[in-house]
């Protein structure tokens, strides 16, 4: 018999891991490498997800005249079983609790990248069984049983199974698309120039990490030509020269930044509750913003 291969794409595994991987990479770009510990943690997590994706994106079963073998993904995990040691093979439907991955189940071990269907191998000299996920369980089981000279065995499931269905691919595409689009929206939203609204008693910083500042709580306002040294971003947005949200200075002072680095002047505002640093991309617009806040404050 010529060697036969059966490939199953890990729709579920890819749908779960790829969007997370894309999001983590974008977050690493956003955070940058100025903060060593968060960057190292993110790189480690990214590498972990990348390895998992390389393992579980596909499962290949290969059958020849002497062996049944399978490999996960690029072949980082693979197994081979001699036909002479196999008692029988049958198509099965896994419990929803079994999930996907490499795991111990009551009957033995399961290797699965997507879906509930698999083949189950029983062996002559051991009680433990092996389940290998596939989207063609009946076809694979029939091919193995022919080599074992076994009659067709009953399936361990009654539900109709259509391997030609493409609905799973549409769901996968939607999940991956969402995983790509949402981080892009986050980056675009954070990169927009900060907008301000004014009232008689306060001004509001709109957008990501925005807040309202009451004039009555402002203790001091002035302009400076350089920002203090920033130690870490505690809860904010940092991409390129755009800094928004909560940061910590080297003197441990917690501040809120809504600035474009390298575009002085900067407005420094100290209130009863916090310290803020503001500016806009256009220095003239920053001066106008300062004058407007100062004018309203004096009223």
Protein backbone atom coordinates (compact mmCIF):
# COMPACT_ATOMS: atom_id res chain seq x y z
CA UNK A 1 0.00 0.00 0.00
CA UNK A 2 1.27 3.44 -0.89
CA UNK A 3 1.73 5.75 2.09
CA UNK A 4 -1.37 7.86 2.76
CA UNK A 5 -1.51 11.15 4.60
CA UNK A 6 -4.46 12.83 6.29
CA UNK A 7 -4.02 16.46 7.31
CA UNK A 8 -6.28 18.31 9.69
CA UNK A 9 -5.93 22.06 10.08
CA UNK A 10 -6.16 23.11 13.73
CA UNK A 11 -8.98 25.60 13.31
CA UNK A 12 -9.74 25.86 17.00
CA UNK A 13 -6.10 26.07 18.08
CA UNK A 14 -5.28 28.76 15.51
CA UNK A 15 -8.47 30.68 16.26
CA UNK A 16 -7.53 30.87 19.93
CA UNK A 17 -3.77 31.38 19.76
CA UNK A 18 -3.17 33.50 16.65
CA UNK A 19 -5.24 36.54 17.75
CA UNK A 20 -3.60 36.40 21.19
CA UNK A 21 -0.16 36.19 19.57
CA UNK A 22 -0.90 39.14 17.29
CA UNK A 23 -2.23 41.17 20.22
CA UNK A 24 0.87 40.41 22.33
CA UNK A 25 3.22 41.42 19.51
CA UNK A 26 1.35 44.70 19.07
CA UNK A 27 1.46 45.29 22.82
CA UNK A 28 5.23 44.73 22.77
CA UNK A 29 5.52 47.34 20.03
CA UNK A 30 3.34 49.73 22.05
CA UNK A 31 5.29 49.23 25.27
CA UNK A 32 8.67 49.27 23.56
CA UNK A 33 11.89 48.12 25.18
CA UNK A 34 12.41 51.02 27.58
CA UNK A 35 10.81 48.98 30.37
CA UNK A 36 12.99 45.88 30.53
CA UNK A 37 10.97 43.63 32.85
CA UNK A 38 7.55 43.99 31.10
CA UNK A 39 9.28 43.61 27.72
CA UNK A 40 11.10 40.43 28.79
CA UNK A 41 7.88 38.94 30.20
CA UNK A 42 6.00 39.76 27.00
CA UNK A 43 8.75 38.27 24.81
CA UNK A 44 8.68 35.06 26.87
CA UNK A 45 4.87 34.82 26.57
CA UNK A 46 5.05 35.55 22.82
CA UNK A 47 7.64 32.80 22.29
CA UNK A 48 5.49 30.38 24.31
CA UNK A 49 2.43 31.08 22.18
CA UNK A 50 4.52 30.89 19.01
CA UNK A 51 5.82 27.42 19.92
CA UNK A 52 2.29 26.27 20.80
CA UNK A 53 1.02 27.61 17.47
CA UNK A 54 3.77 25.76 15.59
CA UNK A 55 2.76 22.55 17.39
CA UNK A 56 -1.03 22.75 17.19
CA UNK A 57 -1.75 24.48 13.86
CA UNK A 58 -1.98 21.09 12.09
CA UNK A 59 -2.12 17.34 12.74
CA UNK A 60 -0.93 14.87 10.10
CA UNK A 61 -1.67 11.14 10.20
CA UNK A 62 0.45 8.94 7.92
CA UNK A 63 -0.29 5.27 7.19
CA UNK A 64 1.92 2.78 5.34
CA UNK A 65 2.26 -1.01 5.20
CA UNK A 66 4.05 -1.24 8.54
CA UNK A 67 3.22 1.77 10.68
CA UNK A 68 0.64 4.34 11.73
CA UNK A 69 2.33 7.64 12.54
CA UNK A 70 1.25 11.17 13.32
CA UNK A 71 2.92 14.50 13.90
CA UNK A 72 1.68 17.75 15.34
CA UNK A 73 2.42 20.94 13.42
CA UNK A 74 6.00 21.18 12.24
CA UNK A 75 6.84 17.84 13.82
CA UNK A 76 7.98 19.01 17.24
CA UNK A 77 5.70 16.30 18.62
CA UNK A 78 5.38 13.02 16.70
CA UNK A 79 4.64 9.36 17.37
CA UNK A 80 4.84 6.10 15.38
CA UNK A 81 3.09 2.79 16.07
CA UNK A 82 3.86 -0.54 14.38
CA UNK A 83 0.82 -2.19 12.78
CA UNK A 84 1.83 -5.52 14.31
CA UNK A 85 1.24 -4.00 17.78
CA UNK A 86 -2.20 -2.54 16.99
CA UNK A 87 -5.29 -4.59 17.83
CA UNK A 88 -7.90 -2.36 16.21
CA UNK A 89 -8.89 1.16 15.18
CA UNK A 90 -12.29 2.84 15.29
CA UNK A 91 -13.69 6.35 14.74
CA UNK A 92 -14.78 8.07 17.95
CA UNK A 93 -16.26 11.31 19.19
CA UNK A 94 -14.48 12.84 22.16
CA UNK A 95 -16.21 14.30 25.16
CA UNK A 96 -16.39 18.09 25.13
CA UNK A 97 -14.40 17.98 28.38
CA UNK A 98 -11.39 16.50 26.57
CA UNK A 99 -10.82 19.68 24.57
CA UNK A 100 -7.74 20.00 22.37
CA UNK A 101 -4.03 19.59 22.94
CA UNK A 102 -2.03 16.74 24.41
CA UNK A 103 -3.75 15.33 27.44
CA UNK A 104 -4.38 12.22 29.48
CA UNK A 105 -7.93 10.90 29.25
CA UNK A 106 -9.57 7.94 31.06
CA UNK A 107 -8.79 5.58 28.15
CA UNK A 108 -5.18 6.72 27.67
CA UNK A 109 -3.87 9.73 25.75
CA UNK A 110 -5.44 12.23 23.35
CA UNK A 111 -3.63 14.24 20.65
CA UNK A 112 -5.98 16.77 19.09
CA UNK A 113 -5.78 20.18 17.40
CA UNK A 114 -9.44 20.87 16.62
CA UNK A 115 -12.93 19.42 16.87
CA UNK A 116 -14.37 16.42 18.70
CA UNK A 117 -13.63 13.63 16.24
CA UNK A 118 -10.71 11.21 16.36
CA UNK A 119 -9.58 7.65 15.74
CA UNK A 120 -8.93 5.36 18.69
CA UNK A 121 -6.12 2.82 18.56
CA UNK A 122 -6.16 -0.20 20.87
CA UNK A 123 -3.06 -2.34 21.30
CA UNK A 124 -2.39 -6.04 21.76
CA UNK A 125 0.01 -5.83 24.67
CA UNK A 126 -1.21 -2.81 26.67
CA UNK A 127 -4.49 -1.50 28.02
CA UNK A 128 -3.80 2.16 27.31
CA UNK A 129 -5.46 3.53 24.18
CA UNK A 130 -4.43 6.39 21.92
CA UNK A 131 -6.84 8.87 20.38
CA UNK A 132 -5.64 10.96 17.44
CA UNK A 133 -7.79 13.86 16.26
CA UNK A 134 -8.89 13.94 12.62
CA UNK A 135 -11.65 15.44 10.50
CA UNK A 136 -11.89 12.15 8.56
CA UNK A 137 -12.27 9.57 11.35
CA UNK A 138 -14.18 6.94 9.36
CA UNK A 139 -11.88 7.11 6.34
CA UNK A 140 -8.70 6.87 8.46
CA UNK A 141 -10.09 4.04 10.59
CA UNK A 142 -11.13 2.08 7.48
CA UNK A 143 -7.65 2.45 5.94
CA UNK A 144 -5.97 1.17 9.11
CA UNK A 145 -8.40 -1.71 9.62
CA UNK A 146 -7.85 -2.92 6.07
CA UNK A 147 -4.15 -3.25 6.83
CA UNK A 148 -5.03 -5.06 10.07
CA UNK A 149 -7.38 -7.38 8.17
CA UNK A 150 -10.18 -6.30 10.50
CA UNK A 151 -13.83 -5.91 9.46
CA UNK A 152 -15.33 -2.46 9.73
CA UNK A 153 -15.97 -1.47 13.34
CA UNK A 154 -18.96 0.52 14.54
CA UNK A 155 -18.40 4.19 15.07
CA UNK A 156 -18.47 5.47 18.62
CA UNK A 157 -20.80 8.28 17.63
CA UNK A 158 -24.19 8.54 15.97
CA UNK A 159 -24.28 12.16 14.83
CA UNK A 160 -23.85 12.90 11.15
CA UNK A 161 -20.41 14.12 10.29
CA UNK A 162 -19.66 16.27 7.26
CA UNK A 163 -15.98 16.79 6.70
CA UNK A 164 -16.67 19.04 3.71
CA UNK A 165 -18.31 21.76 5.80
CA UNK A 166 -16.60 25.12 5.55
CA UNK A 167 -18.49 26.84 8.38
CA UNK A 168 -15.57 26.34 10.76
CA UNK A 169 -13.26 28.24 8.42
CA UNK A 170 -15.62 31.21 8.35
CA UNK A 171 -15.71 31.31 12.15
CA UNK A 172 -11.92 31.03 12.25
CA UNK A 173 -11.55 33.90 9.78
CA UNK A 174 -13.87 36.10 11.86
CA UNK A 175 -11.97 35.38 15.09
CA UNK A 176 -8.58 36.07 13.49
CA UNK A 177 -9.95 39.24 11.87
CA UNK A 178 -11.21 40.45 15.25
CA UNK A 179 -7.84 39.63 16.82
CA UNK A 180 -6.08 41.76 14.21
CA UNK A 181 -8.54 44.64 14.01
CA UNK A 182 -9.02 45.30 17.73
CA UNK A 183 -5.32 45.98 18.47
CA UNK A 184 -5.11 48.17 15.35
CA UNK A 185 -8.10 50.18 16.57
CA UNK A 186 -6.35 50.53 19.95
CA UNK A 187 -3.17 51.84 18.30
CA UNK A 188 -5.03 54.25 16.00
CA UNK A 189 -7.21 55.52 18.83
CA UNK A 190 -4.24 56.06 21.13
CA UNK A 191 -2.25 57.83 18.42
CA UNK A 192 -4.90 60.48 17.81
CA UNK A 193 -4.09 63.94 19.12
CA UNK A 194 -5.72 64.69 22.47
CA UNK A 195 -8.85 66.84 22.37
CA UNK A 196 -9.91 69.26 25.11
CA UNK A 197 -13.31 70.61 26.17
CA UNK A 198 -13.81 73.63 28.42
CA UNK A 199 -16.53 74.76 30.80
CA UNK A 200 -16.75 77.55 33.34
CA UNK A 201 -15.55 75.30 36.18
CA UNK A 202 -13.29 72.72 34.54
CA UNK A 203 -11.63 71.39 31.41
CA UNK A 204 -11.85 67.82 30.14
CA UNK A 205 -9.16 65.76 28.45
CA UNK A 206 -11.02 63.50 26.02
CA UNK A 207 -10.08 60.11 24.65
CA UNK A 208 -7.95 57.31 26.05
CA UNK A 209 -7.16 57.74 29.79
CA UNK A 210 -8.99 61.08 29.75
CA UNK A 211 -10.13 62.96 32.85
CA UNK A 212 -11.77 66.18 34.02
CA UNK A 213 -9.75 68.79 35.92
CA UNK A 214 -11.57 71.32 38.15
CA UNK A 215 -10.02 74.76 38.07
CA UNK A 216 -10.58 75.02 41.85
CA UNK A 217 -8.18 72.11 42.41
CA UNK A 218 -5.29 73.50 40.37
CA UNK A 219 -2.45 74.52 42.68
CA UNK A 220 0.09 75.52 40.03
CA UNK A 221 0.33 75.79 36.24
CA UNK A 222 3.36 76.72 34.18
CA UNK A 223 5.21 75.76 31.01
CA UNK A 224 8.49 73.86 30.77
CA UNK A 225 10.81 73.05 27.88
CA UNK A 226 11.66 69.47 28.84
CA UNK A 227 9.89 66.59 30.52
CA UNK A 228 11.19 65.06 33.75
CA UNK A 229 12.82 61.64 33.36
CA UNK A 230 10.19 58.94 33.08
CA UNK A 231 10.94 55.63 34.80
CA UNK A 232 7.95 53.47 33.89
CA UNK A 233 4.50 53.35 32.39
CA UNK A 234 2.09 52.08 35.05
CA UNK A 235 -1.17 52.15 33.10
CA UNK A 236 -1.01 54.04 29.88
CA UNK A 237 -0.28 54.18 26.18
CA UNK A 238 3.22 54.57 24.78
CA UNK A 239 3.89 54.28 21.07
CA UNK A 240 6.63 56.26 19.40
CA UNK A 241 6.62 59.76 20.90
CA UNK A 242 3.01 59.60 22.07
CA UNK A 243 2.55 59.11 25.81
CA UNK A 244 -0.89 58.99 27.39
CA UNK A 245 -2.07 57.84 30.79
CA UNK A 246 -0.35 57.00 34.06
CA UNK A 247 3.44 57.02 34.41
CA UNK A 248 6.03 57.07 37.18
CA UNK A 249 9.03 59.38 37.32
CA UNK A 250 12.50 58.40 38.59
CA UNK A 251 11.77 60.23 41.84
CA UNK A 252 8.74 57.88 42.27
CA UNK A 253 6.23 60.67 41.58
CA UNK A 254 3.10 59.39 39.88
CA UNK A 255 2.00 61.62 37.01
CA UNK A 256 -0.45 61.69 34.12
CA UNK A 257 0.95 62.42 30.69
CA UNK A 258 -0.81 63.54 27.52
CA UNK A 259 2.22 64.56 25.52
CA UNK A 260 4.21 64.25 22.32
CA UNK A 261 7.84 63.82 23.35
CA UNK A 262 10.27 66.11 21.63
CA UNK A 263 7.64 68.78 20.93
CA UNK A 264 8.13 71.46 23.62
CA UNK A 265 6.79 73.42 25.34
CA UNK A 266 4.91 71.26 27.85
CA UNK A 267 2.21 72.42 30.23
CA UNK A 268 2.82 71.32 33.82
CA UNK A 269 -0.25 71.32 36.05
CA UNK A 270 -0.22 70.40 39.74
CA UNK A 271 -3.58 69.77 41.41
CA UNK A 272 -4.68 68.63 44.86
CA UNK A 273 -4.79 65.06 43.51
CA UNK A 274 -2.14 64.63 40.82
CA UNK A 275 0.39 66.16 38.43
CA UNK A 276 -0.25 66.47 34.71
CA UNK A 277 1.96 67.18 31.72
CA UNK A 278 0.22 68.26 28.52
CA UNK A 279 1.14 69.44 25.07
CA UNK A 280 0.05 69.24 21.43
CA UNK A 281 2.04 68.46 18.30
CA UNK A 282 2.02 72.12 17.29
CA UNK A 283 3.93 74.34 19.80
CA UNK A 284 1.65 77.27 18.94
CA UNK A 285 -1.42 75.14 19.75
CA UNK A 286 0.22 74.17 23.06
CA UNK A 287 0.70 77.88 23.91
CA UNK A 288 -2.93 78.58 23.02
CA UNK A 289 -4.05 75.70 25.26
CA UNK A 290 -1.99 77.05 28.14
CA UNK A 291 -3.40 80.54 27.73
CA UNK A 292 -6.97 79.25 27.63
CA UNK A 293 -6.54 77.23 30.82
CA UNK A 294 -4.79 80.14 32.51
CA UNK A 295 -7.52 82.58 31.47
CA UNK A 296 -10.33 80.35 32.73
CA UNK A 297 -8.41 79.73 35.94
CA UNK A 298 -8.14 83.47 36.64
CA UNK A 299 -11.88 83.89 36.19
